[in-house]
Amino acid sequence: MKPNTRILNYVTLVQDGVLTLDDVPQDITKEVTKWVRYLSGVTDNGMVKEDTATPTVSTTPAPTPSAVVTKPILPKVGD
């Protein structure tokens, strides 16, 4: 089923953080929740625990140009 304009307006407000799902009118809460989950890419319909630790991704920064070692350019010596 396609969402109507009213549902999409509330979905947009929830995604932008202007409203929470608790602020959505009761008659469309289920549909708004479904579309918010769909548009955010949630594929699991199970409950998600909030207290689980998320794995941290360590990123090492790329070397800066000053850290790159280059050989000095030597002048050509006569032939």
PDB file of N, CA and C in Angstrom:
ATOM      1  N   MET A   1       0.840  -1.175   0.000  1.00  0.00           N
ATOM      2  CA  MET A   1       0.000   0.000   0.000  1.00  0.00           C
ATOM      3  C   MET A   1       0.892   1.247   0.000  1.00  0.00           C
ATOM      4  N   LYS A   2       0.560   2.202  -0.816  1.00  0.00           N
ATOM      5  CA  LYS A   2       1.319   3.444  -0.885  1.00  0.00           C
ATOM      6  C   LYS A   2       0.871   4.382   0.231  1.00  0.00           C
ATOM      7  N   PRO A   3       1.809   5.116   0.803  1.00  0.00           N
ATOM      8  CA  PRO A   3       1.414   6.067   1.854  1.00  0.00           C
ATOM      9  C   PRO A   3       0.766   7.308   1.242  1.00  0.00           C
ATOM     10  N   ASN A   4      -0.156   7.892   1.980  1.00  0.00           N
ATOM     11  CA  ASN A   4      -0.769   9.129   1.500  1.00  0.00           C
ATOM     12  C   ASN A   4       0.068  10.320   1.959  1.00  0.00           C
ATOM     13  N   THR A   5      -0.331  11.500   1.548  1.00  0.00           N
ATOM     14  CA  THR A   5       0.448  12.706   1.843  1.00  0.00           C
ATOM     15  C   THR A   5       0.532  12.972   3.334  1.00  0.00           C
ATOM     16  N   ARG A   6      -0.533  12.725   4.061  1.00  0.00           N
ATOM     17  CA  ARG A   6      -0.529  12.953   5.510  1.00  0.00           C
ATOM     18  C   ARG A   6       0.514  12.077   6.195  1.00  0.00           C
ATOM     19  N   ILE A   7       0.565  10.814   5.809  1.00  0.00           N
ATOM     20  CA  ILE A   7       1.537   9.892   6.408  1.00  0.00           C
ATOM     21  C   ILE A   7       2.953  10.319   6.048  1.00  0.00           C
ATOM     22  N   LEU A   8       3.171  10.678   4.786  1.00  0.00           N
ATOM     23  CA  LEU A   8       4.513  11.108   4.367  1.00  0.00           C
ATOM     24  C   LEU A   8       4.951  12.385   5.075  1.00  0.00           C
ATOM     25  N   ASN A   9       4.022  13.290   5.334  1.00  0.00           N
ATOM     26  CA  ASN A   9       4.371  14.510   6.068  1.00  0.00           C
ATOM     27  C   ASN A   9       4.847  14.176   7.474  1.00  0.00           C
ATOM     28  N   TYR A  10       4.138  13.268   8.154  1.00  0.00           N
ATOM     29  CA  TYR A  10       4.558  12.877   9.500  1.00  0.00           C
ATOM     30  C   TYR A  10       5.873  12.098   9.468  1.00  0.00           C
ATOM     31  N   VAL A  11       6.078  11.269   8.447  1.00  0.00           N
ATOM     32  CA  VAL A  11       7.336  10.528   8.317  1.00  0.00           C
ATOM     33  C   VAL A  11       8.498  11.513   8.193  1.00  0.00           C
ATOM     34  N   THR A  12       8.313  12.538   7.378  1.00  0.00           N
ATOM     35  CA  THR A  12       9.351  13.543   7.199  1.00  0.00           C
ATOM     36  C   THR A  12       9.647  14.277   8.495  1.00  0.00           C
ATOM     37  N   LEU A  13       8.603  14.631   9.235  1.00  0.00           N
ATOM     38  CA  LEU A  13       8.800  15.336  10.502  1.00  0.00           C
ATOM     39  C   LEU A  13       9.516  14.463  11.529  1.00  0.00           C
ATOM     40  N   VAL A  14       9.210  13.164  11.533  1.00  0.00           N
ATOM     41  CA  VAL A  14       9.884  12.251  12.462  1.00  0.00           C
ATOM     42  C   VAL A  14      11.351  12.082  12.057  1.00  0.00           C
ATOM     43  N   GLN A  15      11.617  11.925  10.758  1.00  0.00           N
ATOM     44  CA  GLN A  15      12.996  11.757  10.297  1.00  0.00           C
ATOM     45  C   GLN A  15      13.838  13.002  10.554  1.00  0.00           C
ATOM     46  N   ASP A  16      13.225  14.174  10.460  1.00  0.00           N
ATOM     47  CA  ASP A  16      13.952  15.424  10.702  1.00  0.00           C
ATOM     48  C   ASP A  16      14.132  15.714  12.187  1.00  0.00           C
ATOM     49  N   GLY A  17      13.477  14.942  13.050  1.00  0.00           N
ATOM     50  CA  GLY A  17      13.609  15.143  14.483  1.00  0.00           C
ATOM     51  C   GLY A  17      12.703  16.220  15.033  1.00  0.00           C
ATOM     52  N   VAL A  18      11.766  16.709  14.223  1.00  0.00           N
ATOM     53  CA  VAL A  18      10.832  17.725  14.696  1.00  0.00           C
ATOM     54  C   VAL A  18       9.802  17.088  15.626  1.00  0.00           C
ATOM     55  N   LEU A  19       9.369  15.875  15.304  1.00  0.00           N
ATOM     56  CA  LEU A  19       8.406  15.134  16.109  1.00  0.00           C
ATOM     57  C   LEU A  19       8.981  13.764  16.455  1.00  0.00           C
ATOM     58  N   THR A  20       8.404  13.144  17.464  1.00  0.00           N
ATOM     59  CA  THR A  20       8.719  11.750  17.759  1.00  0.00           C
ATOM     60  C   THR A  20       7.499  10.918  17.390  1.00  0.00           C
ATOM     61  N   LEU A  21       7.654   9.602  17.383  1.00  0.00           N
ATOM     62  CA  LEU A  21       6.511   8.747  17.054  1.00  0.00           C
ATOM     63  C   LEU A  21       5.386   8.891  18.076  1.00  0.00           C
ATOM     64  N   ASP A  22       5.719   9.327  19.288  1.00  0.00           N
ATOM     65  CA  ASP A  22       4.682   9.540  20.303  1.00  0.00           C
ATOM     66  C   ASP A  22       3.805  10.746  19.968  1.00  0.00           C
ATOM     67  N   ASP A  23       4.320  11.676  19.167  1.00  0.00           N
ATOM     68  CA  ASP A  23       3.570  12.876  18.801  1.00  0.00           C
ATOM     69  C   ASP A  23       2.653  12.666  17.604  1.00  0.00           C
ATOM     70  N   VAL A  24       2.792  11.546  16.909  1.00  0.00           N
ATOM     71  CA  VAL A  24       1.979  11.265  15.719  1.00  0.00           C
ATOM     72  C   VAL A  24       0.574  10.874  16.166  1.00  0.00           C
ATOM     73  N   PRO A  25      -0.466  11.344  15.460  1.00  0.00           N
ATOM     74  CA  PRO A  25      -1.834  10.963  15.821  1.00  0.00           C
ATOM     75  C   PRO A  25      -2.020   9.445  15.833  1.00  0.00           C
ATOM     76  N   GLN A  26      -2.829   8.978  16.763  1.00  0.00           N
ATOM     77  CA  GLN A  26      -2.997   7.547  17.018  1.00  0.00           C
ATOM     78  C   GLN A  26      -3.503   6.781  15.790  1.00  0.00           C
ATOM     79  N   ASP A  27      -4.323   7.410  14.956  1.00  0.00           N
ATOM     80  CA  ASP A  27      -4.908   6.690  13.824  1.00  0.00           C
ATOM     81  C   ASP A  27      -3.905   6.349  12.727  1.00  0.00           C
ATOM     82  N   ILE A  28      -2.760   7.018  12.685  1.00  0.00           N
ATOM     83  CA  ILE A  28      -1.768   6.723  11.641  1.00  0.00           C
ATOM     84  C   ILE A  28      -0.415   6.315  12.210  1.00  0.00           C
ATOM     85  N   THR A  29      -0.329   6.102  13.502  1.00  0.00           N
ATOM     86  CA  THR A  29       0.951   5.750  14.139  1.00  0.00           C
ATOM     87  C   THR A  29       1.563   4.494  13.526  1.00  0.00           C
ATOM     88  N   LYS A  30       0.746   3.476  13.300  1.00  0.00           N
ATOM     89  CA  LYS A  30       1.261   2.215  12.771  1.00  0.00           C
ATOM     90  C   LYS A  30       1.843   2.403  11.370  1.00  0.00           C
ATOM     91  N   GLU A  31       1.149   3.125  10.518  1.00  0.00           N
ATOM     92  CA  GLU A  31       1.632   3.359   9.159  1.00  0.00           C
ATOM     93  C   GLU A  31       2.886   4.230   9.143  1.00  0.00           C
ATOM     94  N   VAL A  32       2.908   5.270   9.971  1.00  0.00           N
ATOM     95  CA  VAL A  32       4.084   6.148  10.026  1.00  0.00           C
ATOM     96  C   VAL A  32       5.290   5.353  10.513  1.00  0.00           C
ATOM     97  N   THR A  33       5.100   4.522  11.528  1.00  0.00           N
ATOM     98  CA  THR A  33       6.189   3.692  12.043  1.00  0.00           C
ATOM     99  C   THR A  33       6.702   2.763  10.955  1.00  0.00           C
ATOM    100  N   LYS A  34       5.787   2.162  10.201  1.00  0.00           N
ATOM    101  CA  LYS A  34       6.180   1.242   9.131  1.00  0.00           C
ATOM    102  C   LYS A  34       7.013   1.958   8.078  1.00  0.00           C
ATOM    103  N   TRP A  35       6.610   3.153   7.667  1.00  0.00           N
ATOM    104  CA  TRP A  35       7.329   3.871   6.616  1.00  0.00           C
ATOM    105  C   TRP A  35       8.631   4.474   7.113  1.00  0.00           C
ATOM    106  N   VAL A  36       8.678   4.880   8.366  1.00  0.00           N
ATOM    107  CA  VAL A  36       9.944   5.377   8.924  1.00  0.00           C
ATOM    108  C   VAL A  36      10.960   4.252   8.939  1.00  0.00           C
ATOM    109  N   ARG A  37      10.538   3.080   9.368  1.00  0.00           N
ATOM    110  CA  ARG A  37      11.435   1.923   9.395  1.00  0.00           C
ATOM    111  C   ARG A  37      11.863   1.541   7.984  1.00  0.00           C
ATOM    112  N   TYR A  38      10.932   1.547   7.043  1.00  0.00           N
ATOM    113  CA  TYR A  38      11.249   1.171   5.663  1.00  0.00           C
ATOM    114  C   TYR A  38      12.241   2.149   5.041  1.00  0.00           C
ATOM    115  N   LEU A  39      11.987   3.434   5.199  1.00  0.00           N
ATOM    116  CA  LEU A  39      12.847   4.439   4.579  1.00  0.00           C
ATOM    117  C   LEU A  39      14.206   4.557   5.252  1.00  0.00           C
ATOM    118  N   SER A  40      14.312   4.122   6.505  1.00  0.00           N
ATOM    119  CA  SER A  40      15.606   4.168   7.180  1.00  0.00           C
ATOM    120  C   SER A  40      16.421   2.903   6.924  1.00  0.00           C
ATOM    121  N   GLY A  41      15.835   1.931   6.239  1.00  0.00           N
ATOM    122  CA  GLY A  41      16.577   0.738   5.859  1.00  0.00           C
ATOM    123  C   GLY A  41      16.532  -0.384   6.870  1.00  0.00           C
ATOM    124  N   VAL A  42      15.624  -0.339   7.836  1.00  0.00           N
ATOM    125  CA  VAL A  42      15.517  -1.406   8.829  1.00  0.00           C
ATOM    126  C   VAL A  42      14.890  -2.612   8.148  1.00  0.00           C
ATOM    127  N   THR A  43      15.576  -3.751   8.202  1.00  0.00           N
ATOM    128  CA  THR A  43      15.056  -4.950   7.556  1.00  0.00           C
ATOM    129  C   THR A  43      14.561  -5.975   8.566  1.00  0.00           C
ATOM    130  N   ASP A  44      14.968  -5.858   9.816  1.00  0.00           N
ATOM    131  CA  ASP A  44      14.576  -6.803  10.849  1.00  0.00           C
ATOM    132  C   ASP A  44      13.310  -6.303  11.526  1.00  0.00           C
ATOM    133  N   ASN A  45      12.309  -7.160  11.632  1.00  0.00           N
ATOM    134  CA  ASN A  45      11.067  -6.761  12.278  1.00  0.00           C
ATOM    135  C   ASN A  45      11.075  -7.033  13.777  1.00  0.00           C
ATOM    136  N   GLY A  46      12.141  -7.601  14.293  1.00  0.00           N
ATOM    137  CA  GLY A  46      12.247  -7.879  15.712  1.00  0.00           C
ATOM    138  C   GLY A  46      12.539  -6.633  16.511  1.00  0.00           C
ATOM    139  N   MET A  47      12.450  -6.763  17.796  1.00  0.00           N
ATOM    140  CA  MET A  47      12.744  -5.636  18.679  1.00  0.00           C
ATOM    141  C   MET A  47      14.261  -5.458  18.758  1.00  0.00           C
ATOM    142  N   VAL A  48      14.687  -4.245  18.780  1.00  0.00           N
ATOM    143  CA  VAL A  48      16.108  -3.934  18.862  1.00  0.00           C
ATOM    144  C   VAL A  48      16.413  -3.462  20.269  1.00  0.00           C
ATOM    145  N   LYS A  49      17.380  -4.104  20.907  1.00  0.00           N
ATOM    146  CA  LYS A  49      17.763  -3.675  22.245  1.00  0.00           C
ATOM    147  C   LYS A  49      18.608  -2.429  22.151  1.00  0.00           C
ATOM    148  N   GLU A  50      18.322  -1.478  23.007  1.00  0.00           N
ATOM    149  CA  GLU A  50      19.077  -0.232  23.009  1.00  0.00           C
ATOM    150  C   GLU A  50      20.352  -0.334  23.828  1.00  0.00           C
ATOM    151  N   ASP A  51      20.430  -1.292  24.757  1.00  0.00           N
ATOM    152  CA  ASP A  51      21.570  -1.356  25.659  1.00  0.00           C
ATOM    153  C   ASP A  51      22.711  -2.224  25.135  1.00  0.00           C
ATOM    154  N   THR A  52      22.600  -2.743  23.916  1.00  0.00           N
ATOM    155  CA  THR A  52      23.689  -3.549  23.385  1.00  0.00           C
ATOM    156  C   THR A  52      24.814  -2.647  22.910  1.00  0.00           C
ATOM    157  N   ALA A  53      26.006  -3.123  23.112  1.00  0.00           N
ATOM    158  CA  ALA A  53      27.171  -2.332  22.704  1.00  0.00           C
ATOM    159  C   ALA A  53      27.351  -2.463  21.195  1.00  0.00           C
ATOM    160  N   THR A  54      27.545  -1.354  20.555  1.00  0.00           N
ATOM    161  CA  THR A  54      27.783  -1.383  19.119  1.00  0.00           C
ATOM    162  C   THR A  54      29.278  -1.475  18.877  1.00  0.00           C
ATOM    163  N   PRO A  55      29.685  -2.270  17.903  1.00  0.00           N
ATOM    164  CA  PRO A  55      31.121  -2.384  17.644  1.00  0.00           C
ATOM    165  C   PRO A  55      31.662  -1.059  17.120  1.00  0.00           C
ATOM    166  N   THR A  56      32.816  -0.694  17.642  1.00  0.00           N
ATOM    167  CA  THR A  56      33.413   0.556  17.204  1.00  0.00           C
ATOM    168  C   THR A  56      34.359   0.273  16.053  1.00  0.00           C
ATOM    169  N   VAL A  57      34.342   1.125  15.096  1.00  0.00           N
ATOM    170  CA  VAL A  57      35.205   0.982  13.935  1.00  0.00           C
ATOM    171  C   VAL A  57      36.367   1.945  14.108  1.00  0.00           C
ATOM    172  N   SER A  58      37.548   1.386  14.151  1.00  0.00           N
ATOM    173  CA  SER A  58      38.712   2.260  14.295  1.00  0.00           C
ATOM    174  C   SER A  58      39.228   2.603  12.908  1.00  0.00           C
ATOM    175  N   THR A  59      39.384   3.865  12.695  1.00  0.00           N
ATOM    176  CA  THR A  59      39.895   4.307  11.401  1.00  0.00           C
ATOM    177  C   THR A  59      41.242   4.967  11.633  1.00  0.00           C
ATOM    178  N   THR A  60      42.186   4.561  10.846  1.00  0.00           N
ATOM    179  CA  THR A  60      43.494   5.198  10.926  1.00  0.00           C
ATOM    180  C   THR A  60      43.559   6.234   9.825  1.00  0.00           C
ATOM    181  N   PRO A  61      43.962   7.422  10.162  1.00  0.00           N
ATOM    182  CA  PRO A  61      43.989   8.464   9.141  1.00  0.00           C
ATOM    183  C   PRO A  61      45.056   8.172   8.084  1.00  0.00           C
ATOM    184  N   ALA A  62      44.789   8.631   6.896  1.00  0.00           N
ATOM    185  CA  ALA A  62      45.743   8.460   5.800  1.00  0.00           C
ATOM    186  C   ALA A  62      46.987   9.296   6.096  1.00  0.00           C
ATOM    187  N   PRO A  63      48.131   8.846   5.659  1.00  0.00           N
ATOM    188  CA  PRO A  63      49.342   9.622   5.933  1.00  0.00           C
ATOM    189  C   PRO A  63      49.289  10.983   5.242  1.00  0.00           C
ATOM    190  N   THR A  64      49.775  11.959   5.947  1.00  0.00           N
ATOM    191  CA  THR A  64      49.792  13.302   5.380  1.00  0.00           C
ATOM    192  C   THR A  64      50.940  13.401   4.390  1.00  0.00           C
ATOM    193  N   PRO A  65      50.867  14.322   3.451  1.00  0.00           N
ATOM    194  CA  PRO A  65      51.953  14.434   2.462  1.00  0.00           C
ATOM    195  C   PRO A  65      53.320  14.657   3.096  1.00  0.00           C
ATOM    196  N   SER A  66      53.378  15.306   4.260  1.00  0.00           N
ATOM    197  CA  SER A  66      54.677  15.531   4.894  1.00  0.00           C
ATOM    198  C   SER A  66      55.244  14.242   5.479  1.00  0.00           C
ATOM    199  N   ALA A  67      54.396  13.257   5.731  1.00  0.00           N
ATOM    200  CA  ALA A  67      54.861  12.007   6.301  1.00  0.00           C
ATOM    201  C   ALA A  67      55.380  11.056   5.228  1.00  0.00           C
ATOM    202  N   VAL A  68      55.083  11.351   3.965  1.00  0.00           N
ATOM    203  CA  VAL A  68      55.536  10.494   2.881  1.00  0.00           C
ATOM    204  C   VAL A  68      57.013  10.795   2.609  1.00  0.00           C
ATOM    205  N   VAL A  69      57.828   9.760   2.610  1.00  0.00           N
ATOM    206  CA  VAL A  69      59.264   9.928   2.408  1.00  0.00           C
ATOM    207  C   VAL A  69      59.544   9.876   0.908  1.00  0.00           C
ATOM    208  N   THR A  70      60.183  10.899   0.411  1.00  0.00           N
ATOM    209  CA  THR A  70      60.553  10.919  -1.000  1.00  0.00           C
ATOM    210  C   THR A  70      62.061  11.056  -1.117  1.00  0.00           C
ATOM    211  N   LYS A  71      62.606  10.519  -2.184  1.00  0.00           N
ATOM    212  CA  LYS A  71      64.043  10.629  -2.416  1.00  0.00           C
ATOM    213  C   LYS A  71      64.320  12.001  -3.017  1.00  0.00           C
ATOM    214  N   PRO A  72      65.407  12.632  -2.604  1.00  0.00           N
ATOM    215  CA  PRO A  72      65.724  13.941  -3.186  1.00  0.00           C
ATOM    216  C   PRO A  72      66.120  13.791  -4.650  1.00  0.00           C
ATOM    217  N   ILE A  73      65.796  14.777  -5.432  1.00  0.00           N
ATOM    218  CA  ILE A  73      66.154  14.757  -6.848  1.00  0.00           C
ATOM    219  C   ILE A  73      67.598  15.240  -6.969  1.00  0.00           C
ATOM    220  N   LEU A  74      68.423  14.374  -7.561  1.00  0.00           N
ATOM    221  CA  LEU A  74      69.846  14.701  -7.701  1.00  0.00           C
ATOM    222  C   LEU A  74      70.078  15.306  -9.086  1.00  0.00           C
ATOM    223  N   PRO A  75      70.941  16.296  -9.152  1.00  0.00           N
ATOM    224  CA  PRO A  75      71.230  16.882 -10.470  1.00  0.00           C
ATOM    225  C   PRO A  75      72.025  15.901 -11.310  1.00  0.00           C
ATOM    226  N   LYS A  76      71.846  15.985 -12.628  1.00  0.00           N
ATOM    227  CA  LYS A  76      72.605  15.131 -13.533  1.00  0.00           C
ATOM    228  C   LYS A  76      74.062  15.576 -13.542  1.00  0.00           C
ATOM    229  N   VAL A  77      74.928  14.601 -13.453  1.00  0.00           N
ATOM    230  CA  VAL A  77      76.356  14.888 -13.490  1.00  0.00           C
ATOM    231  C   VAL A  77      76.805  14.654 -14.931  1.00  0.00           C
ATOM    232  N   GLY A  78      77.711  15.503 -15.427  1.00  0.00           N
ATOM    233  CA  GLY A  78      78.161  15.482 -16.823  1.00  0.00           C
ATOM    234  C   GLY A  78      78.367  14.111 -17.435  1.00  0.00           C
ATOM    235  N   ASP A  79      78.208  14.060 -18.720  1.00  0.00           N
ATOM    236  CA  ASP A  79      78.375  12.797 -19.453  1.00  0.00           C
ATOM    237  C   ASP A  79      79.802  12.569 -19.831  1.00  0.00           C
TER     238      ASP A  79
END
